[in-house]
Amino acid sequence: MEKKMEYFQSDKVRDLFKSVLNELATKQVEVKPIHGLWISFWYKGKRFMYMAPKRNFFAVQVLAPDGNWHGRTRVSTRKEWENAFQKHVAKYMQYLERGADAAP
């Protein structure tokens, strides 16, 4: 995981990324490093998100309740992360909380 962190050129974005990982861990989101720079994120036994560090931002891609992936979102500020979290991440986590078989 440390090698993935080294890819960032921006210290601010690296610190934000670490903070995001810590926040997700408190929500019982499991982090699994995969190929290249990509990291998969699991909640309640289901993979629902990928992230990857880039030079001056990190890419986020989240699964929608309909089974399709949202386009990649670039995140380089706290405000961008909070927007992506509320718009995509929190919604999918709530969907899993209700039970993936329930209607969205």
N, C-alpha and C. Protein backbone atom coordinates (compact mmCIF):
# COMPACT_ATOMS: atom_id res chain seq x y z
N MET A 1 0.84 -1.19 0.00
CA MET A 1 0.00 0.00 0.00
C MET A 1 0.88 1.26 0.00
N GLU A 2 2.01 1.16 0.65
CA GLU A 2 2.90 2.32 0.73
C GLU A 2 3.41 2.71 -0.66
N LYS A 3 3.67 1.72 -1.52
CA LYS A 3 4.13 2.03 -2.89
C LYS A 3 3.06 2.80 -3.65
N LYS A 4 1.81 2.47 -3.41
CA LYS A 4 0.73 3.20 -4.06
C LYS A 4 0.72 4.65 -3.59
N MET A 5 0.97 4.86 -2.31
CA MET A 5 1.00 6.22 -1.74
C MET A 5 2.14 7.05 -2.32
N GLU A 6 3.24 6.39 -2.61
CA GLU A 6 4.41 7.09 -3.13
C GLU A 6 4.15 7.69 -4.52
N TYR A 7 3.13 7.21 -5.20
CA TYR A 7 2.85 7.69 -6.55
C TYR A 7 2.38 9.14 -6.56
N PHE A 8 1.74 9.57 -5.48
CA PHE A 8 1.27 10.96 -5.39
C PHE A 8 2.45 11.93 -5.45
N GLN A 9 2.28 13.02 -6.18
CA GLN A 9 3.26 14.10 -6.15
C GLN A 9 2.82 15.18 -5.17
N SER A 10 1.52 15.29 -4.97
CA SER A 10 0.97 16.31 -4.08
C SER A 10 0.85 15.75 -2.66
N ASP A 11 1.53 16.39 -1.72
CA ASP A 11 1.43 15.97 -0.32
C ASP A 11 0.01 16.17 0.21
N LYS A 12 -0.66 17.25 -0.22
CA LYS A 12 -2.03 17.51 0.24
C LYS A 12 -2.98 16.39 -0.20
N VAL A 13 -2.83 15.96 -1.44
CA VAL A 13 -3.71 14.91 -1.94
C VAL A 13 -3.37 13.58 -1.28
N ARG A 14 -2.09 13.31 -1.05
CA ARG A 14 -1.69 12.08 -0.35
C ARG A 14 -2.30 12.06 1.05
N ASP A 15 -2.23 13.19 1.76
CA ASP A 15 -2.80 13.27 3.10
C ASP A 15 -4.31 13.09 3.07
N LEU A 16 -4.98 13.68 2.07
CA LEU A 16 -6.42 13.52 1.92
C LEU A 16 -6.76 12.05 1.66
N PHE A 17 -6.00 11.39 0.80
CA PHE A 17 -6.23 9.99 0.48
C PHE A 17 -6.10 9.12 1.73
N LYS A 18 -5.06 9.35 2.52
CA LYS A 18 -4.87 8.61 3.78
C LYS A 18 -6.04 8.85 4.72
N SER A 19 -6.49 10.09 4.79
CA SER A 19 -7.62 10.44 5.65
C SER A 19 -8.89 9.72 5.19
N VAL A 20 -9.11 9.68 3.89
CA VAL A 20 -10.27 8.98 3.33
C VAL A 20 -10.21 7.50 3.67
N LEU A 21 -9.04 6.88 3.53
CA LEU A 21 -8.90 5.46 3.88
C LEU A 21 -9.24 5.23 5.34
N ASN A 22 -8.77 6.11 6.22
CA ASN A 22 -9.06 5.98 7.65
C ASN A 22 -10.55 6.16 7.92
N GLU A 23 -11.19 7.12 7.26
CA GLU A 23 -12.62 7.35 7.45
C GLU A 23 -13.42 6.12 7.01
N LEU A 24 -13.05 5.57 5.86
CA LEU A 24 -13.77 4.40 5.36
C LEU A 24 -13.58 3.20 6.30
N ALA A 25 -12.40 3.07 6.88
CA ALA A 25 -12.15 1.97 7.81
C ALA A 25 -13.08 2.06 9.02
N THR A 26 -13.38 3.28 9.48
CA THR A 26 -14.28 3.43 10.63
C THR A 26 -15.71 3.05 10.27
N LYS A 27 -16.01 2.98 8.98
CA LYS A 27 -17.35 2.60 8.52
C LYS A 27 -17.39 1.11 8.13
N GLN A 28 -16.39 0.35 8.58
CA GLN A 28 -16.28 -1.08 8.30
C GLN A 28 -16.13 -1.40 6.81
N VAL A 29 -15.47 -0.50 6.08
CA VAL A 29 -15.16 -0.75 4.68
C VAL A 29 -13.80 -1.43 4.64
N GLU A 30 -13.73 -2.56 3.95
CA GLU A 30 -12.50 -3.32 3.84
C GLU A 30 -11.74 -2.87 2.59
N VAL A 31 -10.44 -2.64 2.76
CA VAL A 31 -9.58 -2.18 1.68
C VAL A 31 -8.71 -3.33 1.21
N LYS A 32 -8.72 -3.59 -0.11
CA LYS A 32 -7.91 -4.67 -0.68
C LYS A 32 -7.11 -4.13 -1.86
N PRO A 33 -5.80 -3.97 -1.68
CA PRO A 33 -4.97 -3.55 -2.82
C PRO A 33 -5.04 -4.60 -3.93
N ILE A 34 -5.13 -4.13 -5.17
CA ILE A 34 -5.14 -5.04 -6.32
C ILE A 34 -4.06 -4.61 -7.30
N HIS A 35 -4.18 -4.95 -8.55
CA HIS A 35 -3.14 -4.71 -9.55
C HIS A 35 -2.81 -3.23 -9.73
N GLY A 36 -1.59 -2.97 -10.14
CA GLY A 36 -1.17 -1.59 -10.41
C GLY A 36 -1.39 -0.70 -9.21
N LEU A 37 -1.95 0.46 -9.47
CA LEU A 37 -2.21 1.43 -8.40
C LEU A 37 -3.61 1.27 -7.81
N TRP A 38 -4.42 0.41 -8.37
CA TRP A 38 -5.82 0.30 -7.96
C TRP A 38 -6.00 -0.42 -6.63
N ILE A 39 -7.04 0.01 -5.93
CA ILE A 39 -7.43 -0.55 -4.63
C ILE A 39 -8.93 -0.83 -4.72
N SER A 40 -9.35 -1.99 -4.25
CA SER A 40 -10.79 -2.28 -4.22
C SER A 40 -11.30 -2.08 -2.79
N PHE A 41 -12.58 -1.72 -2.71
CA PHE A 41 -13.22 -1.44 -1.43
C PHE A 41 -14.46 -2.31 -1.32
N TRP A 42 -14.61 -2.94 -0.15
CA TRP A 42 -15.68 -3.91 0.09
C TRP A 42 -16.48 -3.47 1.31
N TYR A 43 -17.79 -3.66 1.21
CA TYR A 43 -18.69 -3.36 2.32
C TYR A 43 -19.74 -4.46 2.39
N LYS A 44 -19.87 -5.04 3.56
CA LYS A 44 -20.83 -6.14 3.77
C LYS A 44 -20.62 -7.27 2.76
N GLY A 45 -19.34 -7.55 2.49
CA GLY A 45 -18.99 -8.66 1.62
C GLY A 45 -19.11 -8.39 0.12
N LYS A 46 -19.41 -7.16 -0.25
CA LYS A 46 -19.57 -6.83 -1.66
C LYS A 46 -18.57 -5.74 -2.08
N ARG A 47 -17.93 -5.99 -3.23
CA ARG A 47 -17.04 -4.97 -3.78
C ARG A 47 -17.92 -3.89 -4.38
N PHE A 48 -17.66 -2.63 -3.98
CA PHE A 48 -18.52 -1.56 -4.46
C PHE A 48 -17.76 -0.34 -4.95
N MET A 49 -16.43 -0.33 -4.81
CA MET A 49 -15.69 0.86 -5.21
C MET A 49 -14.24 0.50 -5.51
N TYR A 50 -13.67 1.29 -6.42
CA TYR A 50 -12.23 1.24 -6.71
C TYR A 50 -11.69 2.66 -6.54
N MET A 51 -10.44 2.74 -6.12
CA MET A 51 -9.72 4.02 -6.09
C MET A 51 -8.30 3.76 -6.56
N ALA A 52 -7.71 4.81 -7.13
CA ALA A 52 -6.31 4.73 -7.54
C ALA A 52 -5.66 6.09 -7.38
N PRO A 53 -4.46 6.11 -6.78
CA PRO A 53 -3.74 7.37 -6.70
C PRO A 53 -3.22 7.76 -8.07
N LYS A 54 -3.27 9.03 -8.36
CA LYS A 54 -2.67 9.61 -9.57
C LYS A 54 -1.68 10.65 -9.07
N ARG A 55 -1.07 11.39 -9.93
CA ARG A 55 -0.04 12.34 -9.47
C ARG A 55 -0.60 13.42 -8.54
N ASN A 56 -1.68 14.09 -8.99
CA ASN A 56 -2.20 15.22 -8.23
C ASN A 56 -3.68 15.08 -7.87
N PHE A 57 -4.19 13.86 -7.94
CA PHE A 57 -5.57 13.57 -7.56
C PHE A 57 -5.67 12.06 -7.36
N PHE A 58 -6.83 11.60 -6.92
CA PHE A 58 -7.07 10.16 -6.95
C PHE A 58 -8.39 9.91 -7.66
N ALA A 59 -8.44 8.80 -8.35
CA ALA A 59 -9.63 8.42 -9.11
C ALA A 59 -10.51 7.54 -8.25
N VAL A 60 -11.81 7.77 -8.34
CA VAL A 60 -12.81 6.99 -7.59
C VAL A 60 -13.84 6.48 -8.59
N GLN A 61 -14.16 5.22 -8.48
CA GLN A 61 -15.22 4.64 -9.31
C GLN A 61 -16.10 3.79 -8.41
N VAL A 62 -17.41 4.06 -8.43
CA VAL A 62 -18.35 3.43 -7.50
C VAL A 62 -19.44 2.68 -8.27
N LEU A 63 -19.80 1.54 -7.73
CA LEU A 63 -20.88 0.74 -8.30
C LEU A 63 -22.22 1.36 -7.92
N ALA A 64 -23.12 1.41 -8.88
CA ALA A 64 -24.48 1.92 -8.63
C ALA A 64 -25.38 0.75 -8.26
N PRO A 65 -26.47 1.01 -7.55
CA PRO A 65 -27.40 -0.06 -7.19
C PRO A 65 -27.93 -0.85 -8.39
N ASP A 66 -27.95 -0.24 -9.58
CA ASP A 66 -28.44 -0.97 -10.76
C ASP A 66 -27.39 -1.91 -11.36
N GLY A 67 -26.20 -1.95 -10.73
CA GLY A 67 -25.16 -2.87 -11.19
C GLY A 67 -24.17 -2.27 -12.18
N ASN A 68 -24.39 -1.04 -12.59
CA ASN A 68 -23.46 -0.36 -13.50
C ASN A 68 -22.48 0.48 -12.69
N TRP A 69 -21.31 0.70 -13.27
CA TRP A 69 -20.30 1.52 -12.61
C TRP A 69 -20.46 2.97 -13.04
N HIS A 70 -20.42 3.88 -12.04
CA HIS A 70 -20.39 5.31 -12.35
C HIS A 70 -19.06 5.61 -13.01
N GLY A 71 -19.00 6.64 -13.82
CA GLY A 71 -17.73 7.05 -14.41
C GLY A 71 -16.74 7.43 -13.33
N ARG A 72 -15.48 7.44 -13.69
CA ARG A 72 -14.45 7.81 -12.72
C ARG A 72 -14.58 9.27 -12.33
N THR A 73 -14.39 9.52 -11.04
CA THR A 73 -14.43 10.87 -10.49
C THR A 73 -13.02 11.22 -10.03
N ARG A 74 -12.55 12.39 -10.41
CA ARG A 74 -11.24 12.88 -9.93
C ARG A 74 -11.45 13.62 -8.61
N VAL A 75 -10.62 13.30 -7.63
CA VAL A 75 -10.72 13.93 -6.31
C VAL A 75 -9.36 14.49 -5.93
N SER A 76 -9.34 15.79 -5.63
CA SER A 76 -8.08 16.40 -5.16
C SER A 76 -8.29 17.31 -3.96
N THR A 77 -9.57 17.50 -3.56
CA THR A 77 -9.86 18.35 -2.40
C THR A 77 -10.87 17.64 -1.49
N ARG A 78 -10.95 18.09 -0.26
CA ARG A 78 -11.91 17.55 0.70
C ARG A 78 -13.34 17.74 0.17
N LYS A 79 -13.62 18.89 -0.42
CA LYS A 79 -14.96 19.17 -0.94
C LYS A 79 -15.32 18.19 -2.06
N GLU A 80 -14.37 17.91 -2.96
CA GLU A 80 -14.63 16.95 -4.03
C GLU A 80 -14.90 15.55 -3.47
N TRP A 81 -14.14 15.16 -2.42
CA TRP A 81 -14.38 13.85 -1.82
C TRP A 81 -15.76 13.80 -1.17
N GLU A 82 -16.11 14.84 -0.40
CA GLU A 82 -17.40 14.85 0.27
C GLU A 82 -18.54 14.78 -0.74
N ASN A 83 -18.38 15.47 -1.86
CA ASN A 83 -19.39 15.42 -2.91
C ASN A 83 -19.50 14.01 -3.49
N ALA A 84 -18.36 13.40 -3.82
CA ALA A 84 -18.36 12.03 -4.36
C ALA A 84 -18.91 11.05 -3.34
N PHE A 85 -18.56 11.25 -2.08
CA PHE A 85 -19.04 10.35 -1.03
C PHE A 85 -20.57 10.41 -0.94
N GLN A 86 -21.10 11.63 -0.84
CA GLN A 86 -22.56 11.78 -0.70
C GLN A 86 -23.30 11.33 -1.96
N LYS A 87 -22.75 11.65 -3.11
CA LYS A 87 -23.43 11.36 -4.38
C LYS A 87 -23.42 9.88 -4.74
N HIS A 88 -22.33 9.18 -4.42
CA HIS A 88 -22.19 7.80 -4.86
C HIS A 88 -21.92 6.80 -3.73
N VAL A 89 -20.89 7.06 -2.94
CA VAL A 89 -20.44 6.07 -1.95
C VAL A 89 -21.50 5.84 -0.88
N ALA A 90 -21.96 6.89 -0.24
CA ALA A 90 -22.95 6.75 0.83
C ALA A 90 -24.23 6.11 0.31
N LYS A 91 -24.63 6.48 -0.90
CA LYS A 91 -25.85 5.90 -1.48
C LYS A 91 -25.72 4.38 -1.64
N TYR A 92 -24.57 3.93 -2.12
CA TYR A 92 -24.41 2.49 -2.31
C TYR A 92 -24.32 1.77 -0.97
N MET A 93 -23.65 2.39 0.00
CA MET A 93 -23.57 1.77 1.32
C MET A 93 -24.97 1.67 1.94
N GLN A 94 -25.79 2.70 1.76
CA GLN A 94 -27.17 2.65 2.28
C GLN A 94 -27.97 1.56 1.57
N TYR A 95 -27.74 1.42 0.28
CA TYR A 95 -28.39 0.37 -0.50
C TYR A 95 -28.04 -1.00 0.09
N LEU A 96 -26.77 -1.21 0.43
CA LEU A 96 -26.37 -2.48 1.03
C LEU A 96 -26.92 -2.64 2.44
N GLU A 97 -27.05 -1.54 3.16
CA GLU A 97 -27.63 -1.59 4.51
C GLU A 97 -29.07 -2.09 4.45
N ARG A 98 -29.81 -1.64 3.45
CA ARG A 98 -31.21 -2.05 3.31
C ARG A 98 -31.31 -3.49 2.83
N GLY A 99 -30.22 -3.96 2.25
CA GLY A 99 -30.21 -5.31 1.68
C GLY A 99 -30.21 -5.19 0.17
N ALA A 100 -29.22 -5.78 -0.45
CA ALA A 100 -29.04 -5.64 -1.90
C ALA A 100 -30.23 -6.16 -2.69
N ASP A 101 -31.07 -7.01 -2.07
CA ASP A 101 -32.22 -7.55 -2.78
C ASP A 101 -33.44 -6.61 -2.69
N ALA A 102 -33.36 -5.62 -1.80
CA ALA A 102 -34.47 -4.68 -1.69
C ALA A 102 -34.42 -3.69 -2.85
N ALA A 103 -35.54 -3.10 -3.17
CA ALA A 103 -35.58 -2.12 -4.26
C ALA A 103 -34.80 -0.88 -3.87
N PRO A 104 -34.06 -0.28 -4.81
CA PRO A 104 -33.27 0.93 -4.49
C PRO A 104 -34.13 2.13 -4.18
